[in-house]
Amino acid sequence: MADLVNFIKIDGDKVTGNIASLSYDLDVTGEAIASNNPKAPVFRLFGKTPRGRRIEIGGIWKKKNQNGGAYYTLSVNT
């Protein structure tokens, strides 16, 4: 999957993916969050600094559309 760009794969309680533009190319990982807050994200997203340090860069929220179907929304701070 190293050559794929702009994807998020949710596999159980783990997340992997890539977010790329002309300015950046981030490999992301994530882990599930257990929270009683209904507005809390269901996953935390992490990236790596140029020096290899793991940092939190965003989250993924699970929501319902007007027909009751589930979808995910993503927020990333680059």
PDB file of N, CA and C in Angstrom:
ATOM      1  N   MET A   1       0.798  -1.190   0.000  1.00  0.00           N
ATOM      2  CA  MET A   1       0.000   0.000   0.000  1.00  0.00           C
ATOM      3  C   MET A   1       0.844   1.259   0.000  1.00  0.00           C
ATOM      4  N   ALA A   2       2.132   1.149  -0.036  1.00  0.00           N
ATOM      5  CA  ALA A   2       3.001   2.312   0.047  1.00  0.00           C
ATOM      6  C   ALA A   2       2.815   3.280  -1.116  1.00  0.00           C
ATOM      7  N   ASP A   3       2.334   2.811  -2.264  1.00  0.00           N
ATOM      8  CA  ASP A   3       2.167   3.704  -3.402  1.00  0.00           C
ATOM      9  C   ASP A   3       0.776   4.319  -3.482  1.00  0.00           C
ATOM     10  N   LEU A   4      -0.144   3.944  -2.599  1.00  0.00           N
ATOM     11  CA  LEU A   4      -1.475   4.529  -2.575  1.00  0.00           C
ATOM     12  C   LEU A   4      -1.443   5.856  -1.830  1.00  0.00           C
ATOM     13  N   VAL A   5      -2.216   6.831  -2.306  1.00  0.00           N
ATOM     14  CA  VAL A   5      -2.304   8.115  -1.622  1.00  0.00           C
ATOM     15  C   VAL A   5      -3.762   8.445  -1.337  1.00  0.00           C
ATOM     16  N   ASN A   6      -3.957   9.237  -0.290  1.00  0.00           N
ATOM     17  CA  ASN A   6      -5.272   9.735   0.108  1.00  0.00           C
ATOM     18  C   ASN A   6      -6.265   8.620   0.370  1.00  0.00           C
ATOM     19  N   PHE A   7      -5.955   7.808   1.359  1.00  0.00           N
ATOM     20  CA  PHE A   7      -6.869   6.757   1.774  1.00  0.00           C
ATOM     21  C   PHE A   7      -6.769   6.577   3.277  1.00  0.00           C
ATOM     22  N   ILE A   8      -7.843   6.083   3.849  1.00  0.00           N
ATOM     23  CA  ILE A   8      -7.885   5.692   5.257  1.00  0.00           C
ATOM     24  C   ILE A   8      -8.477   4.294   5.307  1.00  0.00           C
ATOM     25  N   LYS A   9      -7.806   3.380   5.982  1.00  0.00           N
ATOM     26  CA  LYS A   9      -8.292   2.010   6.136  1.00  0.00           C
ATOM     27  C   LYS A   9      -8.536   1.757   7.616  1.00  0.00           C
ATOM     28  N   ILE A  10      -9.794   1.425   7.938  1.00  0.00           N
ATOM     29  CA  ILE A  10     -10.163   1.097   9.310  1.00  0.00           C
ATOM     30  C   ILE A  10     -10.299  -0.413   9.396  1.00  0.00           C
ATOM     31  N   ASP A  11      -9.487  -1.011  10.256  1.00  0.00           N
ATOM     32  CA  ASP A  11      -9.489  -2.468  10.434  1.00  0.00           C
ATOM     33  C   ASP A  11      -9.650  -2.767  11.919  1.00  0.00           C
ATOM     34  N   GLY A  12     -10.892  -2.938  12.344  1.00  0.00           N
ATOM     35  CA  GLY A  12     -11.161  -3.166  13.765  1.00  0.00           C
ATOM     36  C   GLY A  12     -10.889  -1.910  14.566  1.00  0.00           C
ATOM     37  N   ASP A  13      -9.911  -1.965  15.475  1.00  0.00           N
ATOM     38  CA  ASP A  13      -9.579  -0.795  16.283  1.00  0.00           C
ATOM     39  C   ASP A  13      -8.285  -0.122  15.845  1.00  0.00           C
ATOM     40  N   LYS A  14      -7.817  -0.435  14.633  1.00  0.00           N
ATOM     41  CA  LYS A  14      -6.595   0.165  14.084  1.00  0.00           C
ATOM     42  C   LYS A  14      -6.911   0.921  12.791  1.00  0.00           C
ATOM     43  N   VAL A  15      -6.166   1.976  12.554  1.00  0.00           N
ATOM     44  CA  VAL A  15      -6.305   2.787  11.347  1.00  0.00           C
ATOM     45  C   VAL A  15      -4.942   2.925  10.685  1.00  0.00           C
ATOM     46  N   THR A  16      -4.913   2.817   9.365  1.00  0.00           N
ATOM     47  CA  THR A  16      -3.717   3.137   8.584  1.00  0.00           C
ATOM     48  C   THR A  16      -4.162   3.970   7.403  1.00  0.00           C
ATOM     49  N   GLY A  17      -3.239   4.712   6.822  1.00  0.00           N
ATOM     50  CA  GLY A  17      -3.598   5.499   5.656  1.00  0.00           C
ATOM     51  C   GLY A  17      -2.513   6.456   5.239  1.00  0.00           C
ATOM     52  N   ASN A  18      -2.881   7.272   4.266  1.00  0.00           N
ATOM     53  CA  ASN A  18      -1.979   8.270   3.713  1.00  0.00           C
ATOM     54  C   ASN A  18      -2.808   9.477   3.316  1.00  0.00           C
ATOM     55  N   ILE A  19      -2.286  10.666   3.623  1.00  0.00           N
ATOM     56  CA  ILE A  19      -2.919  11.916   3.220  1.00  0.00           C
ATOM     57  C   ILE A  19      -1.834  12.738   2.539  1.00  0.00           C
ATOM     58  N   ALA A  20      -2.073  13.084   1.278  1.00  0.00           N
ATOM     59  CA  ALA A  20      -1.031  13.777   0.517  1.00  0.00           C
ATOM     60  C   ALA A  20      -1.604  14.958  -0.255  1.00  0.00           C
ATOM     61  N   SER A  21      -0.768  15.964  -0.429  1.00  0.00           N
ATOM     62  CA  SER A  21      -1.053  17.104  -1.302  1.00  0.00           C
ATOM     63  C   SER A  21       0.276  17.543  -1.898  1.00  0.00           C
ATOM     64  N   LEU A  22       0.293  18.672  -2.573  1.00  0.00           N
ATOM     65  CA  LEU A  22       1.556  19.177  -3.114  1.00  0.00           C
ATOM     66  C   LEU A  22       2.508  19.627  -2.013  1.00  0.00           C
ATOM     67  N   SER A  23       1.951  19.932  -0.823  1.00  0.00           N
ATOM     68  CA  SER A  23       2.766  20.443   0.279  1.00  0.00           C
ATOM     69  C   SER A  23       3.243  19.386   1.259  1.00  0.00           C
ATOM     70  N   TYR A  24       2.565  18.253   1.349  1.00  0.00           N
ATOM     71  CA  TYR A  24       2.920  17.241   2.335  1.00  0.00           C
ATOM     72  C   TYR A  24       2.484  15.865   1.865  1.00  0.00           C
ATOM     73  N   ASP A  25       3.055  14.850   2.476  1.00  0.00           N
ATOM     74  CA  ASP A  25       2.712  13.454   2.200  1.00  0.00           C
ATOM     75  C   ASP A  25       2.863  12.707   3.523  1.00  0.00           C
ATOM     76  N   LEU A  26       1.731  12.478   4.209  1.00  0.00           N
ATOM     77  CA  LEU A  26       1.746  11.915   5.551  1.00  0.00           C
ATOM     78  C   LEU A  26       1.225  10.489   5.572  1.00  0.00           C
ATOM     79  N   ASP A  27       2.018   9.578   6.106  1.00  0.00           N
ATOM     80  CA  ASP A  27       1.503   8.260   6.440  1.00  0.00           C
ATOM     81  C   ASP A  27       0.890   8.401   7.824  1.00  0.00           C
ATOM     82  N   VAL A  28      -0.342   7.931   7.989  1.00  0.00           N
ATOM     83  CA  VAL A  28      -1.026   8.076   9.264  1.00  0.00           C
ATOM     84  C   VAL A  28      -1.363   6.710   9.848  1.00  0.00           C
ATOM     85  N   THR A  29      -1.405   6.667  11.160  1.00  0.00           N
ATOM     86  CA  THR A  29      -1.879   5.500  11.894  1.00  0.00           C
ATOM     87  C   THR A  29      -2.901   6.011  12.895  1.00  0.00           C
ATOM     88  N   GLY A  30      -3.666   5.099  13.440  1.00  0.00           N
ATOM     89  CA  GLY A  30      -4.657   5.517  14.420  1.00  0.00           C
ATOM     90  C   GLY A  30      -5.021   4.391  15.341  1.00  0.00           C
ATOM     91  N   GLU A  31      -5.655   4.781  16.438  1.00  0.00           N
ATOM     92  CA  GLU A  31      -6.112   3.800  17.411  1.00  0.00           C
ATOM     93  C   GLU A  31      -7.456   4.241  17.959  1.00  0.00           C
ATOM     94  N   ALA A  32      -8.265   3.256  18.325  1.00  0.00           N
ATOM     95  CA  ALA A  32      -9.607   3.521  18.838  1.00  0.00           C
ATOM     96  C   ALA A  32      -9.541   4.229  20.188  1.00  0.00           C
ATOM     97  N   ILE A  33     -10.563   5.033  20.452  1.00  0.00           N
ATOM     98  CA  ILE A  33     -10.699   5.748  21.717  1.00  0.00           C
ATOM     99  C   ILE A  33     -11.981   5.266  22.387  1.00  0.00           C
ATOM    100  N   ALA A  34     -11.917   4.989  23.661  1.00  0.00           N
ATOM    101  CA  ALA A  34     -13.115   4.663  24.435  1.00  0.00           C
ATOM    102  C   ALA A  34     -13.501   5.902  25.232  1.00  0.00           C
ATOM    103  N   SER A  35     -14.694   6.455  24.965  1.00  0.00           N
ATOM    104  CA  SER A  35     -15.135   7.661  25.650  1.00  0.00           C
ATOM    105  C   SER A  35     -16.646   7.623  25.839  1.00  0.00           C
ATOM    106  N   ASN A  36     -17.104   8.189  26.931  1.00  0.00           N
ATOM    107  CA  ASN A  36     -18.536   8.331  27.176  1.00  0.00           C
ATOM    108  C   ASN A  36     -19.098   9.596  26.541  1.00  0.00           C
ATOM    109  N   ASN A  37     -18.231  10.455  26.054  1.00  0.00           N
ATOM    110  CA  ASN A  37     -18.652  11.702  25.422  1.00  0.00           C
ATOM    111  C   ASN A  37     -19.153  11.404  24.012  1.00  0.00           C
ATOM    112  N   PRO A  38     -20.428  11.694  23.701  1.00  0.00           N
ATOM    113  CA  PRO A  38     -20.956  11.392  22.367  1.00  0.00           C
ATOM    114  C   PRO A  38     -20.308  12.219  21.252  1.00  0.00           C
ATOM    115  N   LYS A  39     -19.631  13.304  21.591  1.00  0.00           N
ATOM    116  CA  LYS A  39     -18.973  14.138  20.582  1.00  0.00           C
ATOM    117  C   LYS A  39     -17.493  13.818  20.419  1.00  0.00           C
ATOM    118  N   ALA A  40     -17.002  12.850  21.167  1.00  0.00           N
ATOM    119  CA  ALA A  40     -15.589  12.475  21.087  1.00  0.00           C
ATOM    120  C   ALA A  40     -15.336  11.692  19.800  1.00  0.00           C
ATOM    121  N   PRO A  41     -14.128  11.799  19.241  1.00  0.00           N
ATOM    122  CA  PRO A  41     -13.800  10.984  18.070  1.00  0.00           C
ATOM    123  C   PRO A  41     -13.737   9.503  18.452  1.00  0.00           C
ATOM    124  N   VAL A  42     -13.903   8.644  17.463  1.00  0.00           N
ATOM    125  CA  VAL A  42     -13.793   7.202  17.717  1.00  0.00           C
ATOM    126  C   VAL A  42     -12.366   6.708  17.492  1.00  0.00           C
ATOM    127  N   PHE A  43     -11.563   7.489  16.768  1.00  0.00           N
ATOM    128  CA  PHE A  43     -10.151   7.157  16.540  1.00  0.00           C
ATOM    129  C   PHE A  43      -9.307   8.413  16.683  1.00  0.00           C
ATOM    130  N   ARG A  44      -8.114   8.251  17.255  1.00  0.00           N
ATOM    131  CA  ARG A  44      -7.082   9.291  17.229  1.00  0.00           C
ATOM    132  C   ARG A  44      -6.170   8.991  16.056  1.00  0.00           C
ATOM    133  N   LEU A  45      -5.728  10.033  15.362  1.00  0.00           N
ATOM    134  CA  LEU A  45      -4.800   9.867  14.239  1.00  0.00           C
ATOM    135  C   LEU A  45      -3.423  10.385  14.616  1.00  0.00           C
ATOM    136  N   PHE A  46      -2.393   9.644  14.183  1.00  0.00           N
ATOM    137  CA  PHE A  46      -1.010   9.999  14.482  1.00  0.00           C
ATOM    138  C   PHE A  46      -0.189  10.034  13.201  1.00  0.00           C
ATOM    139  N   GLY A  47       0.788  10.905  13.182  1.00  0.00           N
ATOM    140  CA  GLY A  47       1.773  10.973  12.116  1.00  0.00           C
ATOM    141  C   GLY A  47       3.151  10.987  12.750  1.00  0.00           C
ATOM    142  N   LYS A  48       4.170  11.158  11.925  1.00  0.00           N
ATOM    143  CA  LYS A  48       5.539  11.235  12.446  1.00  0.00           C
ATOM    144  C   LYS A  48       6.173  12.546  12.010  1.00  0.00           C
ATOM    145  N   THR A  49       6.950  13.124  12.905  1.00  0.00           N
ATOM    146  CA  THR A  49       7.697  14.331  12.589  1.00  0.00           C
ATOM    147  C   THR A  49       8.861  13.959  11.679  1.00  0.00           C
ATOM    148  N   PRO A  50       9.505  14.948  11.062  1.00  0.00           N
ATOM    149  CA  PRO A  50      10.684  14.635  10.251  1.00  0.00           C
ATOM    150  C   PRO A  50      11.784  13.911  11.037  1.00  0.00           C
ATOM    151  N   ARG A  51      11.806  14.066  12.354  1.00  0.00           N
ATOM    152  CA  ARG A  51      12.794  13.372  13.185  1.00  0.00           C
ATOM    153  C   ARG A  51      12.290  12.024  13.679  1.00  0.00           C
ATOM    154  N   GLY A  52      11.100  11.612  13.234  1.00  0.00           N
ATOM    155  CA  GLY A  52      10.604  10.291  13.572  1.00  0.00           C
ATOM    156  C   GLY A  52       9.779  10.191  14.840  1.00  0.00           C
ATOM    157  N   ARG A  53       9.392  11.323  15.406  1.00  0.00           N
ATOM    158  CA  ARG A  53       8.580  11.298  16.624  1.00  0.00           C
ATOM    159  C   ARG A  53       7.099  11.160  16.279  1.00  0.00           C
ATOM    160  N   ARG A  54       6.412  10.348  17.044  1.00  0.00           N
ATOM    161  CA  ARG A  54       4.974  10.127  16.831  1.00  0.00           C
ATOM    162  C   ARG A  54       4.194  11.267  17.479  1.00  0.00           C
ATOM    163  N   ILE A  55       3.312  11.913  16.692  1.00  0.00           N
ATOM    164  CA  ILE A  55       2.512  13.007  17.228  1.00  0.00           C
ATOM    165  C   ILE A  55       1.057  12.833  16.807  1.00  0.00           C
ATOM    166  N   GLU A  56       0.152  13.318  17.640  1.00  0.00           N
ATOM    167  CA  GLU A  56      -1.271  13.277  17.311  1.00  0.00           C
ATOM    168  C   GLU A  56      -1.569  14.402  16.324  1.00  0.00           C
ATOM    169  N   ILE A  57      -2.239  14.062  15.224  1.00  0.00           N
ATOM    170  CA  ILE A  57      -2.523  15.058  14.195  1.00  0.00           C
ATOM    171  C   ILE A  57      -4.014  15.242  13.924  1.00  0.00           C
ATOM    172  N   GLY A  58      -4.876  14.422  14.527  1.00  0.00           N
ATOM    173  CA  GLY A  58      -6.297  14.589  14.278  1.00  0.00           C
ATOM    174  C   GLY A  58      -7.135  13.461  14.820  1.00  0.00           C
ATOM    175  N   GLY A  59      -8.353  13.375  14.287  1.00  0.00           N
ATOM    176  CA  GLY A  59      -9.279  12.353  14.750  1.00  0.00           C
ATOM    177  C   GLY A  59     -10.285  11.973  13.683  1.00  0.00           C
ATOM    178  N   ILE A  60     -10.984  10.878  13.938  1.00  0.00           N
ATOM    179  CA  ILE A  60     -12.050  10.397  13.063  1.00  0.00           C
ATOM    180  C   ILE A  60     -13.303  10.228  13.923  1.00  0.00           C
ATOM    181  N   TRP A  61     -14.413  10.804  13.450  1.00  0.00           N
ATOM    182  CA  TRP A  61     -15.691  10.716  14.127  1.00  0.00           C
ATOM    183  C   TRP A  61     -16.646   9.851  13.311  1.00  0.00           C
ATOM    184  N   LYS A  62     -17.462   9.060  14.001  1.00  0.00           N
ATOM    185  CA  LYS A  62     -18.494   8.265  13.342  1.00  0.00           C
ATOM    186  C   LYS A  62     -19.820   8.977  13.541  1.00  0.00           C
ATOM    187  N   LYS A  63     -20.538   9.218  12.438  1.00  0.00           N
ATOM    188  CA  LYS A  63     -21.800   9.948  12.483  1.00  0.00           C
ATOM    189  C   LYS A  63     -22.868   9.196  11.718  1.00  0.00           C
ATOM    190  N   LYS A  64     -24.084   9.678  11.816  1.00  0.00           N
ATOM    191  CA  LYS A  64     -25.206   9.088  11.079  1.00  0.00           C
ATOM    192  C   LYS A  64     -25.772  10.124  10.128  1.00  0.00           C
ATOM    193  N   ASN A  65     -26.093   9.677   8.898  1.00  0.00           N
ATOM    194  CA  ASN A  65     -26.719  10.581   7.947  1.00  0.00           C
ATOM    195  C   ASN A  65     -28.223  10.640   8.210  1.00  0.00           C
ATOM    196  N   GLN A  66     -28.944  11.431   7.429  1.00  0.00           N
ATOM    197  CA  GLN A  66     -30.374  11.617   7.679  1.00  0.00           C
ATOM    198  C   GLN A  66     -31.201  10.357   7.435  1.00  0.00           C
ATOM    199  N   ASN A  67     -30.640   9.378   6.737  1.00  0.00           N
ATOM    200  CA  ASN A  67     -31.327   8.102   6.518  1.00  0.00           C
ATOM    201  C   ASN A  67     -30.934   7.043   7.544  1.00  0.00           C
ATOM    202  N   GLY A  68     -30.090   7.409   8.510  1.00  0.00           N
ATOM    203  CA  GLY A  68     -29.673   6.473   9.546  1.00  0.00           C
ATOM    204  C   GLY A  68     -28.418   5.686   9.226  1.00  0.00           C
ATOM    205  N   GLY A  69     -27.834   5.908   8.048  1.00  0.00           N
ATOM    206  CA  GLY A  69     -26.602   5.222   7.671  1.00  0.00           C
ATOM    207  C   GLY A  69     -25.386   5.848   8.337  1.00  0.00           C
ATOM    208  N   ALA A  70     -24.407   5.028   8.619  1.00  0.00           N
ATOM    209  CA  ALA A  70     -23.191   5.512   9.282  1.00  0.00           C
ATOM    210  C   ALA A  70     -22.186   6.020   8.252  1.00  0.00           C
ATOM    211  N   TYR A  71     -21.447   7.050   8.641  1.00  0.00           N
ATOM    212  CA  TYR A  71     -20.325   7.537   7.836  1.00  0.00           C
ATOM    213  C   TYR A  71     -19.271   8.097   8.779  1.00  0.00           C
ATOM    214  N   TYR A  72     -18.067   8.299   8.272  1.00  0.00           N
ATOM    215  CA  TYR A  72     -16.961   8.826   9.063  1.00  0.00           C
ATOM    216  C   TYR A  72     -16.570  10.199   8.553  1.00  0.00           C
ATOM    217  N   THR A  73     -16.163  11.055   9.458  1.00  0.00           N
ATOM    218  CA  THR A  73     -15.608  12.354   9.092  1.00  0.00           C
ATOM    219  C   THR A  73     -14.230  12.465   9.749  1.00  0.00           C
ATOM    220  N   LEU A  74     -13.335  13.164   9.086  1.00  0.00           N
ATOM    221  CA  LEU A  74     -11.925  13.193   9.462  1.00  0.00           C
ATOM    222  C   LEU A  74     -11.468  14.631   9.635  1.00  0.00           C
ATOM    223  N   SER A  75     -10.672  14.877  10.647  1.00  0.00           N
ATOM    224  CA  SER A  75     -10.050  16.183  10.850  1.00  0.00           C
ATOM    225  C   SER A  75      -8.557  15.959  11.072  1.00  0.00           C
ATOM    226  N   VAL A  76      -7.732  16.665  10.288  1.00  0.00           N
ATOM    227  CA  VAL A  76      -6.287  16.546  10.401  1.00  0.00           C
ATOM    228  C   VAL A  76      -5.678  17.928  10.476  1.00  0.00           C
ATOM    229  N   ASN A  77      -4.770  18.129  11.417  1.00  0.00           N
ATOM    230  CA  ASN A  77      -4.037  19.384  11.546  1.00  0.00           C
ATOM    231  C   ASN A  77      -2.647  19.169  10.970  1.00  0.00           C
ATOM    232  N   THR A  78      -2.387  19.748   9.811  1.00  0.00           N
ATOM    233  CA  THR A  78      -1.086  19.580   9.165  1.00  0.00           C
ATOM    234  C   THR A  78      -0.190  20.738   9.501  1.00  0.00           C
TER     235      THR A  78
END
